[in-house]
N, C-alpha and C. Protein backbone atom coordinates (compact mmCIF):
# COMPACT_ATOMS: atom_id res chain seq x y z
N UNK A 1 -15.48 -4.54 7.72
CA UNK A 1 -14.96 -5.68 6.95
C UNK A 1 -13.54 -5.97 7.41
N UNK A 2 -13.21 -7.22 7.63
CA UNK A 2 -11.87 -7.56 8.09
C UNK A 2 -10.89 -7.54 6.94
N UNK A 3 -9.61 -7.41 7.28
CA UNK A 3 -8.56 -7.40 6.27
C UNK A 3 -8.58 -8.69 5.47
N UNK A 4 -8.84 -9.80 6.12
CA UNK A 4 -8.84 -11.09 5.43
C UNK A 4 -9.93 -11.17 4.38
N UNK A 5 -10.94 -10.33 4.47
CA UNK A 5 -12.03 -10.36 3.51
C UNK A 5 -11.82 -9.41 2.34
N UNK A 6 -10.70 -8.68 2.36
CA UNK A 6 -10.51 -7.65 1.37
C UNK A 6 -9.80 -8.13 0.11
N UNK A 7 -9.76 -9.42 -0.10
CA UNK A 7 -9.14 -9.91 -1.32
C UNK A 7 -10.02 -9.58 -2.51
N UNK A 8 -9.39 -9.34 -3.66
CA UNK A 8 -10.14 -9.15 -4.89
C UNK A 8 -9.86 -10.32 -5.79
N UNK A 9 -10.63 -10.46 -6.85
CA UNK A 9 -10.60 -11.65 -7.67
C UNK A 9 -9.23 -12.21 -7.99
N UNK A 10 -8.98 -13.46 -7.60
CA UNK A 10 -7.76 -14.15 -7.98
C UNK A 10 -6.56 -13.89 -7.08
N UNK A 11 -6.64 -12.98 -6.14
CA UNK A 11 -5.49 -12.67 -5.30
C UNK A 11 -5.39 -13.65 -4.14
N UNK A 12 -4.15 -13.89 -3.70
CA UNK A 12 -3.95 -14.79 -2.58
C UNK A 12 -4.42 -14.11 -1.30
N UNK A 13 -4.72 -14.93 -0.31
CA UNK A 13 -5.16 -14.39 0.96
C UNK A 13 -4.03 -13.57 1.57
N UNK A 14 -4.29 -12.37 2.12
CA UNK A 14 -3.23 -11.55 2.66
C UNK A 14 -2.60 -12.15 3.90
N UNK A 15 -1.33 -11.77 4.16
CA UNK A 15 -0.58 -12.16 5.35
C UNK A 15 -0.24 -13.64 5.37
N UNK A 16 -0.27 -14.30 4.23
CA UNK A 16 0.07 -15.72 4.21
C UNK A 16 1.51 -15.96 4.65
N UNK A 17 2.36 -14.92 4.54
CA UNK A 17 3.75 -15.07 4.93
C UNK A 17 3.96 -15.00 6.44
N UNK A 18 2.90 -14.67 7.18
CA UNK A 18 3.00 -14.54 8.63
C UNK A 18 2.59 -15.87 9.27
N UNK A 19 3.51 -16.48 9.99
CA UNK A 19 3.24 -17.73 10.69
C UNK A 19 3.81 -17.64 12.10
N UNK A 20 3.27 -18.44 13.03
CA UNK A 20 2.15 -19.37 12.91
C UNK A 20 0.81 -18.64 12.86
N UNK A 21 -0.27 -19.41 12.91
CA UNK A 21 -1.60 -18.83 12.78
C UNK A 21 -1.88 -17.78 13.86
N UNK A 22 -1.43 -18.01 15.07
CA UNK A 22 -1.68 -17.05 16.15
C UNK A 22 -1.03 -15.71 15.85
N UNK A 23 0.18 -15.73 15.29
CA UNK A 23 0.86 -14.48 14.93
C UNK A 23 0.10 -13.75 13.84
N UNK A 24 -0.45 -14.51 12.89
CA UNK A 24 -1.23 -13.91 11.80
C UNK A 24 -2.51 -13.28 12.35
N UNK A 25 -3.19 -13.98 13.23
CA UNK A 25 -4.42 -13.45 13.82
C UNK A 25 -4.16 -12.14 14.56
N UNK A 26 -3.06 -12.08 15.28
CA UNK A 26 -2.70 -10.86 16.01
C UNK A 26 -2.37 -9.72 15.05
N UNK A 27 -1.69 -10.04 13.98
CA UNK A 27 -1.33 -9.01 13.00
C UNK A 27 -2.58 -8.45 12.32
N UNK A 28 -3.49 -9.33 11.93
CA UNK A 28 -4.74 -8.88 11.31
C UNK A 28 -5.54 -8.03 12.29
N UNK A 29 -5.59 -8.45 13.55
CA UNK A 29 -6.29 -7.66 14.57
C UNK A 29 -5.65 -6.30 14.75
N UNK A 30 -4.32 -6.24 14.68
CA UNK A 30 -3.61 -4.97 14.81
C UNK A 30 -3.92 -4.05 13.64
N UNK A 31 -3.95 -4.58 12.44
CA UNK A 31 -4.30 -3.78 11.27
C UNK A 31 -5.67 -3.14 11.45
N UNK A 32 -6.63 -3.94 11.85
CA UNK A 32 -7.99 -3.44 12.03
C UNK A 32 -8.05 -2.37 13.12
N UNK A 33 -7.37 -2.62 14.22
CA UNK A 33 -7.39 -1.67 15.34
C UNK A 33 -6.67 -0.37 14.99
N UNK A 34 -5.51 -0.48 14.36
CA UNK A 34 -4.76 0.72 13.98
C UNK A 34 -5.55 1.57 12.98
N UNK A 35 -6.20 0.90 12.03
CA UNK A 35 -6.97 1.62 11.01
C UNK A 35 -8.19 2.30 11.63
N UNK A 36 -8.79 1.65 12.61
CA UNK A 36 -10.01 2.17 13.22
C UNK A 36 -9.74 3.25 14.27
N UNK A 37 -8.73 3.02 15.11
CA UNK A 37 -8.50 3.90 16.25
C UNK A 37 -7.22 4.72 16.16
N UNK A 38 -6.33 4.33 15.25
CA UNK A 38 -5.02 4.96 15.20
C UNK A 38 -4.04 4.19 16.06
N UNK A 39 -2.77 4.26 15.72
CA UNK A 39 -1.75 3.50 16.43
C UNK A 39 -1.68 3.88 17.90
N UNK A 40 -1.60 5.16 18.18
CA UNK A 40 -1.38 5.61 19.55
C UNK A 40 -2.57 5.34 20.47
N UNK A 41 -3.78 5.32 19.93
CA UNK A 41 -4.97 5.07 20.75
C UNK A 41 -5.25 3.58 20.94
N UNK A 42 -4.50 2.74 20.26
CA UNK A 42 -4.69 1.29 20.35
C UNK A 42 -3.75 0.70 21.39
N UNK A 43 -4.27 -0.16 22.25
CA UNK A 43 -3.44 -0.84 23.24
C UNK A 43 -3.20 -2.29 22.83
N UNK A 44 -2.20 -2.90 23.42
CA UNK A 44 -1.96 -4.33 23.14
C UNK A 44 -3.15 -5.17 23.61
N UNK A 45 -3.83 -4.71 24.65
CA UNK A 45 -5.04 -5.41 25.12
C UNK A 45 -6.13 -5.37 24.05
N UNK A 46 -6.28 -4.21 23.37
CA UNK A 46 -7.26 -4.09 22.29
C UNK A 46 -6.96 -5.12 21.19
N UNK A 47 -5.70 -5.21 20.83
CA UNK A 47 -5.30 -6.11 19.75
C UNK A 47 -5.55 -7.56 20.13
N UNK A 48 -5.12 -7.94 21.32
CA UNK A 48 -5.30 -9.32 21.78
C UNK A 48 -6.78 -9.68 21.86
N UNK A 49 -7.59 -8.75 22.34
CA UNK A 49 -9.03 -9.00 22.45
C UNK A 49 -9.65 -9.24 21.09
N UNK A 50 -9.26 -8.45 20.10
CA UNK A 50 -9.79 -8.63 18.74
C UNK A 50 -9.40 -9.99 18.17
N UNK A 51 -8.22 -10.46 18.56
CA UNK A 51 -7.74 -11.74 18.05
C UNK A 51 -8.27 -12.92 18.86
N UNK A 52 -9.05 -12.62 19.92
CA UNK A 52 -9.58 -13.68 20.77
C UNK A 52 -8.51 -14.34 21.62
N UNK A 53 -7.53 -13.54 22.03
CA UNK A 53 -6.41 -14.07 22.80
C UNK A 53 -6.17 -13.20 24.03
N UNK A 54 -5.36 -13.69 24.92
CA UNK A 54 -5.03 -12.93 26.12
C UNK A 54 -3.89 -11.95 25.81
N UNK A 55 -3.79 -10.83 26.54
CA UNK A 55 -2.68 -9.89 26.32
C UNK A 55 -1.32 -10.57 26.44
N UNK A 56 -1.20 -11.51 27.36
CA UNK A 56 0.08 -12.20 27.54
C UNK A 56 0.47 -12.99 26.29
N UNK A 57 -0.52 -13.53 25.59
CA UNK A 57 -0.25 -14.32 24.39
C UNK A 57 0.38 -13.48 23.29
N UNK A 58 0.04 -12.20 23.25
CA UNK A 58 0.60 -11.32 22.21
C UNK A 58 2.11 -11.26 22.31
N UNK A 59 2.64 -11.20 23.53
CA UNK A 59 4.08 -11.02 23.71
C UNK A 59 4.89 -12.27 23.38
N UNK A 60 4.22 -13.38 23.18
CA UNK A 60 4.91 -14.58 22.71
C UNK A 60 5.39 -14.38 21.28
N UNK A 61 4.60 -13.61 20.50
CA UNK A 61 4.89 -13.44 19.07
C UNK A 61 5.46 -12.07 18.72
N UNK A 62 5.12 -11.05 19.50
CA UNK A 62 5.59 -9.69 19.23
C UNK A 62 6.03 -9.03 20.54
N UNK A 63 7.24 -8.53 20.56
CA UNK A 63 7.77 -7.96 21.79
C UNK A 63 7.07 -6.66 22.17
N UNK A 64 6.68 -5.88 21.16
CA UNK A 64 6.05 -4.59 21.41
C UNK A 64 4.96 -4.31 20.37
N UNK A 65 4.15 -3.31 20.66
CA UNK A 65 3.15 -2.86 19.69
C UNK A 65 3.83 -2.31 18.44
N UNK A 66 4.97 -1.65 18.64
CA UNK A 66 5.70 -1.09 17.49
C UNK A 66 6.21 -2.20 16.57
N UNK A 67 6.60 -3.32 17.13
CA UNK A 67 7.05 -4.44 16.29
C UNK A 67 5.94 -4.91 15.36
N UNK A 68 4.71 -4.91 15.86
CA UNK A 68 3.56 -5.25 15.02
C UNK A 68 3.42 -4.26 13.87
N UNK A 69 3.47 -2.96 14.20
CA UNK A 69 3.34 -1.94 13.16
C UNK A 69 4.47 -2.05 12.15
N UNK A 70 5.67 -2.30 12.63
CA UNK A 70 6.81 -2.45 11.72
C UNK A 70 6.61 -3.61 10.76
N UNK A 71 6.13 -4.73 11.28
CA UNK A 71 5.91 -5.91 10.43
C UNK A 71 4.84 -5.61 9.38
N UNK A 72 3.76 -4.97 9.81
CA UNK A 72 2.69 -4.60 8.88
C UNK A 72 3.23 -3.66 7.80
N UNK A 73 3.99 -2.66 8.22
CA UNK A 73 4.52 -1.68 7.29
C UNK A 73 5.50 -2.31 6.30
N UNK A 74 6.35 -3.20 6.80
CA UNK A 74 7.34 -3.83 5.94
C UNK A 74 6.67 -4.70 4.89
N UNK A 75 5.74 -5.53 5.30
CA UNK A 75 5.06 -6.40 4.35
C UNK A 75 4.27 -5.58 3.34
N UNK A 76 3.57 -4.55 3.81
CA UNK A 76 2.78 -3.71 2.91
C UNK A 76 3.63 -2.97 1.90
N UNK A 77 4.75 -2.41 2.34
CA UNK A 77 5.62 -1.68 1.41
C UNK A 77 6.32 -2.63 0.44
N UNK A 78 6.69 -3.81 0.91
CA UNK A 78 7.28 -4.80 0.00
C UNK A 78 6.29 -5.16 -1.10
N UNK A 79 5.03 -5.32 -0.74
CA UNK A 79 4.00 -5.67 -1.71
C UNK A 79 3.78 -4.53 -2.70
N UNK A 80 3.71 -3.31 -2.18
CA UNK A 80 3.53 -2.16 -3.06
C UNK A 80 4.69 -2.02 -4.04
N UNK A 81 5.90 -2.21 -3.53
CA UNK A 81 7.08 -2.11 -4.39
C UNK A 81 7.07 -3.20 -5.46
N UNK A 82 6.68 -4.40 -5.08
CA UNK A 82 6.60 -5.51 -6.04
C UNK A 82 5.60 -5.21 -7.16
N UNK A 83 4.47 -4.62 -6.80
CA UNK A 83 3.45 -4.26 -7.78
C UNK A 83 4.02 -3.28 -8.81
N UNK A 84 4.70 -2.26 -8.33
CA UNK A 84 5.23 -1.23 -9.22
C UNK A 84 6.41 -1.75 -10.03
N UNK A 85 7.26 -2.57 -9.44
CA UNK A 85 8.40 -3.13 -10.19
C UNK A 85 7.91 -4.03 -11.32
N UNK A 86 6.90 -4.82 -11.04
CA UNK A 86 6.36 -5.72 -12.07
C UNK A 86 5.86 -4.91 -13.26
N UNK A 87 5.17 -3.81 -12.98
CA UNK A 87 4.64 -2.97 -14.05
C UNK A 87 5.74 -2.21 -14.77
N UNK A 88 6.70 -1.67 -14.04
CA UNK A 88 7.72 -0.83 -14.66
C UNK A 88 8.69 -1.62 -15.50
N UNK A 89 8.87 -2.90 -15.20
CA UNK A 89 9.87 -3.70 -15.91
C UNK A 89 9.28 -4.65 -16.95
N UNK A 90 7.98 -4.54 -17.16
CA UNK A 90 7.35 -5.36 -18.20
C UNK A 90 7.69 -4.81 -19.57
N UNK A 91 7.44 -5.62 -20.59
CA UNK A 91 7.61 -5.16 -21.97
C UNK A 91 6.51 -4.16 -22.29
N UNK A 92 6.82 -3.20 -23.13
CA UNK A 92 5.80 -2.24 -23.54
C UNK A 92 6.30 -0.82 -23.53
N UNK A 93 5.48 0.07 -24.02
CA UNK A 93 5.83 1.48 -24.05
C UNK A 93 5.73 2.08 -22.65
N UNK A 94 6.29 3.27 -22.50
CA UNK A 94 6.18 3.96 -21.21
C UNK A 94 4.72 4.21 -20.87
N UNK A 95 3.92 4.54 -21.85
CA UNK A 95 2.49 4.78 -21.63
C UNK A 95 1.81 3.53 -21.10
N UNK A 96 2.10 2.39 -21.69
CA UNK A 96 1.50 1.13 -21.25
C UNK A 96 1.97 0.76 -19.84
N UNK A 97 3.25 0.96 -19.58
CA UNK A 97 3.79 0.60 -18.26
C UNK A 97 3.26 1.52 -17.16
N UNK A 98 3.12 2.81 -17.47
CA UNK A 98 2.59 3.73 -16.46
C UNK A 98 1.12 3.43 -16.17
N UNK A 99 0.35 3.13 -17.20
CA UNK A 99 -1.06 2.79 -16.99
C UNK A 99 -1.18 1.52 -16.15
N UNK A 100 -0.31 0.55 -16.42
CA UNK A 100 -0.32 -0.70 -15.65
C UNK A 100 0.07 -0.44 -14.20
N UNK A 101 1.12 0.38 -14.00
CA UNK A 101 1.59 0.68 -12.65
C UNK A 101 0.52 1.38 -11.83
N UNK A 102 -0.09 2.39 -12.41
CA UNK A 102 -1.11 3.16 -11.69
C UNK A 102 -2.34 2.29 -11.43
N UNK A 103 -2.80 1.59 -12.45
CA UNK A 103 -3.98 0.74 -12.28
C UNK A 103 -3.78 -0.30 -11.19
N UNK A 104 -2.62 -0.96 -11.19
CA UNK A 104 -2.34 -2.00 -10.20
C UNK A 104 -2.19 -1.41 -8.80
N UNK A 105 -1.50 -0.27 -8.71
CA UNK A 105 -1.27 0.37 -7.41
C UNK A 105 -2.59 0.85 -6.80
N UNK A 106 -3.44 1.40 -7.62
CA UNK A 106 -4.74 1.87 -7.15
C UNK A 106 -5.62 0.69 -6.73
N UNK A 107 -5.61 -0.38 -7.51
CA UNK A 107 -6.41 -1.55 -7.14
C UNK A 107 -5.98 -2.10 -5.79
N UNK A 108 -4.68 -2.10 -5.52
CA UNK A 108 -4.19 -2.59 -4.24
C UNK A 108 -4.67 -1.68 -3.11
N UNK A 109 -4.59 -0.37 -3.29
CA UNK A 109 -5.01 0.55 -2.24
C UNK A 109 -6.52 0.53 -2.00
N UNK A 110 -7.28 0.18 -3.02
CA UNK A 110 -8.73 0.05 -2.84
C UNK A 110 -9.07 -1.32 -2.25
N UNK A 111 -8.53 -2.36 -2.82
CA UNK A 111 -8.84 -3.71 -2.36
C UNK A 111 -8.27 -4.04 -0.99
N UNK A 112 -7.18 -3.37 -0.61
CA UNK A 112 -6.55 -3.58 0.70
C UNK A 112 -6.59 -2.29 1.51
N UNK A 113 -7.70 -1.58 1.40
CA UNK A 113 -7.76 -0.22 1.95
C UNK A 113 -7.47 -0.16 3.45
N UNK A 114 -7.93 -1.14 4.23
CA UNK A 114 -7.67 -1.11 5.67
C UNK A 114 -6.18 -1.23 5.93
N UNK A 115 -5.55 -2.20 5.29
CA UNK A 115 -4.10 -2.36 5.41
C UNK A 115 -3.36 -1.14 4.89
N UNK A 116 -3.77 -0.65 3.74
CA UNK A 116 -3.08 0.48 3.11
C UNK A 116 -3.13 1.73 3.97
N UNK A 117 -4.25 1.96 4.66
CA UNK A 117 -4.33 3.14 5.53
C UNK A 117 -3.28 3.08 6.63
N UNK A 118 -3.08 1.90 7.19
CA UNK A 118 -2.07 1.75 8.23
C UNK A 118 -0.67 1.90 7.64
N UNK A 119 -0.43 1.21 6.54
CA UNK A 119 0.88 1.23 5.90
C UNK A 119 1.29 2.65 5.50
N UNK A 120 0.35 3.41 4.96
CA UNK A 120 0.68 4.73 4.41
C UNK A 120 0.62 5.86 5.42
N UNK A 121 -0.21 5.73 6.45
CA UNK A 121 -0.45 6.90 7.30
C UNK A 121 0.04 6.76 8.74
N UNK A 122 0.67 5.66 9.10
CA UNK A 122 1.18 5.50 10.47
C UNK A 122 2.70 5.47 10.52
N UNK A 123 3.35 5.96 9.48
CA UNK A 123 4.81 5.92 9.41
C UNK A 123 5.48 6.61 10.60
N UNK A 124 4.96 7.74 11.01
CA UNK A 124 5.60 8.53 12.06
C UNK A 124 5.53 7.87 13.44
N UNK A 125 4.72 6.82 13.56
CA UNK A 125 4.64 6.12 14.85
C UNK A 125 5.81 5.17 15.05
N UNK A 126 6.55 4.88 13.99
CA UNK A 126 7.69 3.97 14.09
C UNK A 126 8.89 4.66 14.72
N UNK A 127 9.71 3.88 15.39
CA UNK A 127 10.96 4.40 15.93
C UNK A 127 11.95 4.71 14.82
N UNK A 128 13.05 5.41 15.14
CA UNK A 128 14.00 5.87 14.11
C UNK A 128 14.53 4.77 13.19
N UNK A 129 14.93 3.63 13.74
CA UNK A 129 15.52 2.57 12.92
C UNK A 129 14.48 1.96 11.98
N UNK A 130 13.32 1.63 12.51
CA UNK A 130 12.26 1.04 11.69
C UNK A 130 11.77 2.05 10.65
N UNK A 131 11.65 3.29 11.07
CA UNK A 131 11.18 4.34 10.15
C UNK A 131 12.15 4.51 8.99
N UNK A 132 13.45 4.50 9.28
CA UNK A 132 14.46 4.65 8.23
C UNK A 132 14.36 3.51 7.21
N UNK A 133 14.07 2.31 7.69
CA UNK A 133 13.93 1.16 6.80
C UNK A 133 12.74 1.35 5.85
N UNK A 134 11.62 1.82 6.38
CA UNK A 134 10.43 2.02 5.56
C UNK A 134 10.61 3.20 4.61
N UNK A 135 11.27 4.25 5.07
CA UNK A 135 11.53 5.40 4.20
C UNK A 135 12.39 4.98 3.00
N UNK A 136 13.35 4.08 3.23
CA UNK A 136 14.18 3.57 2.14
C UNK A 136 13.33 2.83 1.11
N UNK A 137 12.35 2.06 1.57
CA UNK A 137 11.45 1.36 0.66
C UNK A 137 10.59 2.36 -0.11
N UNK A 138 10.17 3.43 0.54
CA UNK A 138 9.37 4.45 -0.14
C UNK A 138 10.17 5.14 -1.24
N UNK A 139 11.46 5.30 -1.01
CA UNK A 139 12.31 5.89 -2.05
C UNK A 139 12.38 4.97 -3.27
N UNK A 140 12.38 3.66 -3.01
CA UNK A 140 12.39 2.71 -4.13
C UNK A 140 11.07 2.76 -4.89
N UNK A 141 9.97 2.90 -4.16
CA UNK A 141 8.65 3.04 -4.79
C UNK A 141 8.65 4.27 -5.70
N UNK A 142 9.13 5.38 -5.17
CA UNK A 142 9.23 6.62 -5.93
C UNK A 142 10.09 6.43 -7.18
N UNK A 143 11.20 5.72 -7.03
CA UNK A 143 12.12 5.53 -8.15
C UNK A 143 11.49 4.74 -9.28
N UNK A 144 10.66 3.75 -8.95
CA UNK A 144 10.03 2.95 -10.00
C UNK A 144 9.09 3.81 -10.86
N UNK A 145 8.27 4.62 -10.21
CA UNK A 145 7.34 5.47 -10.96
C UNK A 145 8.10 6.56 -11.70
N UNK A 146 9.06 7.17 -11.03
CA UNK A 146 9.85 8.22 -11.67
C UNK A 146 10.57 7.68 -12.91
N UNK A 147 11.06 6.44 -12.82
CA UNK A 147 11.76 5.85 -13.96
C UNK A 147 10.86 5.70 -15.18
N UNK A 148 9.63 5.30 -14.96
CA UNK A 148 8.70 5.17 -16.10
C UNK A 148 8.44 6.53 -16.72
N UNK A 149 8.23 7.54 -15.89
CA UNK A 149 7.96 8.89 -16.40
C UNK A 149 9.18 9.42 -17.16
N UNK A 150 10.36 9.19 -16.63
CA UNK A 150 11.59 9.62 -17.33
C UNK A 150 11.71 8.92 -18.67
N UNK A 151 11.38 7.64 -18.72
CA UNK A 151 11.42 6.91 -20.00
C UNK A 151 10.45 7.53 -20.99
N UNK A 152 9.26 7.88 -20.51
CA UNK A 152 8.26 8.47 -21.39
C UNK A 152 8.66 9.84 -21.90
N UNK A 153 9.33 10.62 -21.07
CA UNK A 153 9.83 11.93 -21.51
C UNK A 153 10.93 11.74 -22.56
N UNK A 154 11.83 10.80 -22.30
CA UNK A 154 12.94 10.54 -23.22
C UNK A 154 12.46 10.05 -24.58
N UNK A 155 11.40 9.26 -24.59
CA UNK A 155 10.87 8.71 -25.84
C UNK A 155 9.92 9.67 -26.56
N UNK A 156 9.56 10.75 -25.88
CA UNK A 156 8.63 11.69 -26.48
C UNK A 156 7.17 11.34 -26.25
N UNK A 157 6.91 10.30 -25.46
CA UNK A 157 5.53 9.91 -25.18
C UNK A 157 4.86 10.85 -24.18
N UNK A 158 5.66 11.40 -23.25
CA UNK A 158 5.13 12.26 -22.20
C UNK A 158 5.65 13.68 -22.34
N UNK A 159 4.86 14.63 -21.92
CA UNK A 159 5.25 16.04 -21.89
C UNK A 159 5.22 16.49 -20.43
N UNK A 160 6.34 16.33 -19.75
CA UNK A 160 6.42 16.62 -18.31
C UNK A 160 7.60 17.53 -18.06
N UNK A 161 7.35 18.67 -17.45
CA UNK A 161 8.42 19.62 -17.14
C UNK A 161 9.11 19.31 -15.82
N UNK A 162 8.34 18.83 -14.85
CA UNK A 162 8.88 18.54 -13.52
C UNK A 162 8.63 17.08 -13.20
N UNK A 163 9.60 16.22 -13.49
CA UNK A 163 9.42 14.78 -13.30
C UNK A 163 9.26 14.44 -11.82
N UNK A 164 10.08 15.02 -10.97
CA UNK A 164 10.00 14.71 -9.55
C UNK A 164 8.65 15.13 -8.96
N UNK A 165 8.21 16.33 -9.29
CA UNK A 165 6.93 16.80 -8.78
C UNK A 165 5.77 15.99 -9.31
N UNK A 166 5.85 15.59 -10.57
CA UNK A 166 4.79 14.79 -11.17
C UNK A 166 4.75 13.40 -10.54
N UNK A 167 5.92 12.83 -10.26
CA UNK A 167 5.97 11.53 -9.59
C UNK A 167 5.27 11.59 -8.24
N UNK A 168 5.55 12.64 -7.48
CA UNK A 168 4.91 12.83 -6.18
C UNK A 168 3.39 12.95 -6.32
N UNK A 169 2.95 13.69 -7.34
CA UNK A 169 1.51 13.87 -7.56
C UNK A 169 0.84 12.55 -7.91
N UNK A 170 1.49 11.75 -8.75
CA UNK A 170 0.93 10.47 -9.16
C UNK A 170 0.79 9.54 -7.96
N UNK A 171 1.85 9.42 -7.17
CA UNK A 171 1.81 8.54 -6.01
C UNK A 171 0.78 9.00 -4.98
N UNK A 172 0.72 10.30 -4.76
CA UNK A 172 -0.26 10.84 -3.80
C UNK A 172 -1.68 10.53 -4.24
N UNK A 173 -1.94 10.66 -5.53
CA UNK A 173 -3.26 10.38 -6.07
C UNK A 173 -3.65 8.92 -5.82
N UNK A 174 -2.71 8.02 -6.07
CA UNK A 174 -2.98 6.59 -5.89
C UNK A 174 -3.19 6.23 -4.42
N UNK A 175 -2.29 6.72 -3.57
CA UNK A 175 -2.33 6.37 -2.15
C UNK A 175 -3.61 6.86 -1.48
N UNK A 176 -4.09 8.02 -1.89
CA UNK A 176 -5.28 8.59 -1.24
C UNK A 176 -6.53 7.76 -1.44
N UNK A 177 -6.52 6.86 -2.41
CA UNK A 177 -7.67 5.98 -2.64
C UNK A 177 -8.00 5.19 -1.37
N UNK A 178 -6.97 4.79 -0.63
CA UNK A 178 -7.20 4.01 0.59
C UNK A 178 -8.01 4.78 1.62
N UNK A 179 -7.94 6.10 1.58
CA UNK A 179 -8.64 6.92 2.56
C UNK A 179 -10.13 6.98 2.32
N UNK A 180 -10.55 7.03 1.03
CA UNK A 180 -11.97 7.27 0.75
C UNK A 180 -12.71 6.07 0.15
N UNK A 181 -12.00 5.08 -0.37
CA UNK A 181 -12.69 3.99 -1.07
C UNK A 181 -13.56 3.18 -0.11
N UNK A 182 -14.75 2.79 -0.60
CA UNK A 182 -15.64 1.93 0.16
C UNK A 182 -16.31 0.94 -0.78
N UNK A 183 -16.55 -0.26 -0.29
CA UNK A 183 -17.19 -1.28 -1.12
C UNK A 183 -18.63 -0.90 -1.45
N UNK A 184 -19.19 0.04 -0.70
CA UNK A 184 -20.57 0.48 -0.96
C UNK A 184 -20.63 1.63 -1.96
N UNK A 185 -19.49 2.03 -2.48
CA UNK A 185 -19.44 3.12 -3.43
C UNK A 185 -19.84 2.68 -4.84
N UNK A 186 -19.82 3.60 -5.78
CA UNK A 186 -20.31 3.31 -7.13
C UNK A 186 -19.32 2.55 -8.02
N UNK A 187 -18.05 2.45 -7.60
CA UNK A 187 -17.05 1.81 -8.46
C UNK A 187 -16.31 0.69 -7.72
N UNK A 188 -15.89 -0.31 -8.48
CA UNK A 188 -15.07 -1.40 -7.96
C UNK A 188 -13.61 -0.96 -7.96
N UNK A 189 -12.73 -1.69 -7.26
CA UNK A 189 -11.30 -1.37 -7.33
C UNK A 189 -10.77 -1.37 -8.76
N UNK A 190 -11.25 -2.29 -9.58
CA UNK A 190 -10.81 -2.36 -10.97
C UNK A 190 -11.23 -1.11 -11.75
N UNK A 191 -12.44 -0.65 -11.50
CA UNK A 191 -12.94 0.54 -12.20
C UNK A 191 -12.21 1.80 -11.75
N UNK A 192 -11.92 1.89 -10.48
CA UNK A 192 -11.16 3.04 -9.98
C UNK A 192 -9.74 3.00 -10.55
N UNK A 193 -9.15 1.82 -10.61
CA UNK A 193 -7.81 1.68 -11.19
C UNK A 193 -7.77 2.14 -12.64
N UNK A 194 -8.76 1.76 -13.42
CA UNK A 194 -8.82 2.16 -14.82
C UNK A 194 -9.01 3.67 -14.95
N UNK A 195 -9.86 4.23 -14.11
CA UNK A 195 -10.11 5.68 -14.13
C UNK A 195 -8.82 6.44 -13.81
N UNK A 196 -8.14 6.03 -12.77
CA UNK A 196 -6.93 6.74 -12.35
C UNK A 196 -5.80 6.57 -13.36
N UNK A 197 -5.71 5.42 -14.00
CA UNK A 197 -4.71 5.23 -15.04
C UNK A 197 -4.93 6.22 -16.17
N UNK A 198 -6.19 6.40 -16.55
CA UNK A 198 -6.52 7.37 -17.60
C UNK A 198 -6.20 8.79 -17.15
N UNK A 199 -6.53 9.13 -15.91
CA UNK A 199 -6.26 10.47 -15.39
C UNK A 199 -4.77 10.76 -15.38
N UNK A 200 -3.96 9.79 -14.96
CA UNK A 200 -2.51 9.99 -14.89
C UNK A 200 -1.92 10.14 -16.29
N UNK A 201 -2.40 9.36 -17.24
CA UNK A 201 -1.89 9.52 -18.62
C UNK A 201 -2.20 10.91 -19.15
N UNK A 202 -3.33 11.45 -18.80
CA UNK A 202 -3.65 12.82 -19.19
C UNK A 202 -2.73 13.81 -18.48
N UNK A 203 -2.43 13.52 -17.21
CA UNK A 203 -1.56 14.38 -16.42
C UNK A 203 -0.16 14.51 -17.05
N UNK A 204 0.35 13.41 -17.58
CA UNK A 204 1.70 13.43 -18.14
C UNK A 204 1.71 13.78 -19.63
N UNK A 205 0.54 14.09 -20.17
CA UNK A 205 0.46 14.52 -21.57
C UNK A 205 0.66 13.41 -22.57
N UNK A 206 0.25 12.18 -22.19
CA UNK A 206 0.38 11.05 -23.12
C UNK A 206 -0.64 11.22 -24.26
N UNK A 207 -0.18 10.94 -25.48
CA UNK A 207 -1.07 11.08 -26.63
C UNK A 207 -2.10 9.98 -26.67
């Protein structure tokens, strides 16, 4: 299934921020190739072929293969951060906000599993400067979830002894969905999101 087909109900088509159309086609082809073969095993010729273009055409829009990965990673992490910020800053109790954050984050990793696998598991392929930029975004992702858990501990809603460790466990649980989720499985992204939200609330001792 192509990345463009992985939209779930009501969501905008992915990569709409990438223009012109040729650049978007190349980026989608890169996502598919990186997810299928891995970054290092994928060549620029592979990407161009998937996009129905010549290898020379790729360099009009992207100087290197790493630039493609960086763009994919940046857009994906920005989206993930936006999802968590929206949930963490909404009105409601810490329990409600954490359930919303986890449910939304899991739905994204299931519904955009091909993209998410590249975004989450190809970080080490980036050069030092690009990697540092993405690591900074990951720290912000961590901070949003950690903030909700800290709020819940402060209000007495959660019983958590190790906030930092619990934050890592919650994020790891959500991210791993991209590795195993399949549309042929028994649950939809929405159902997996609801299940994981319930599991995380139990993890933090929410009443």
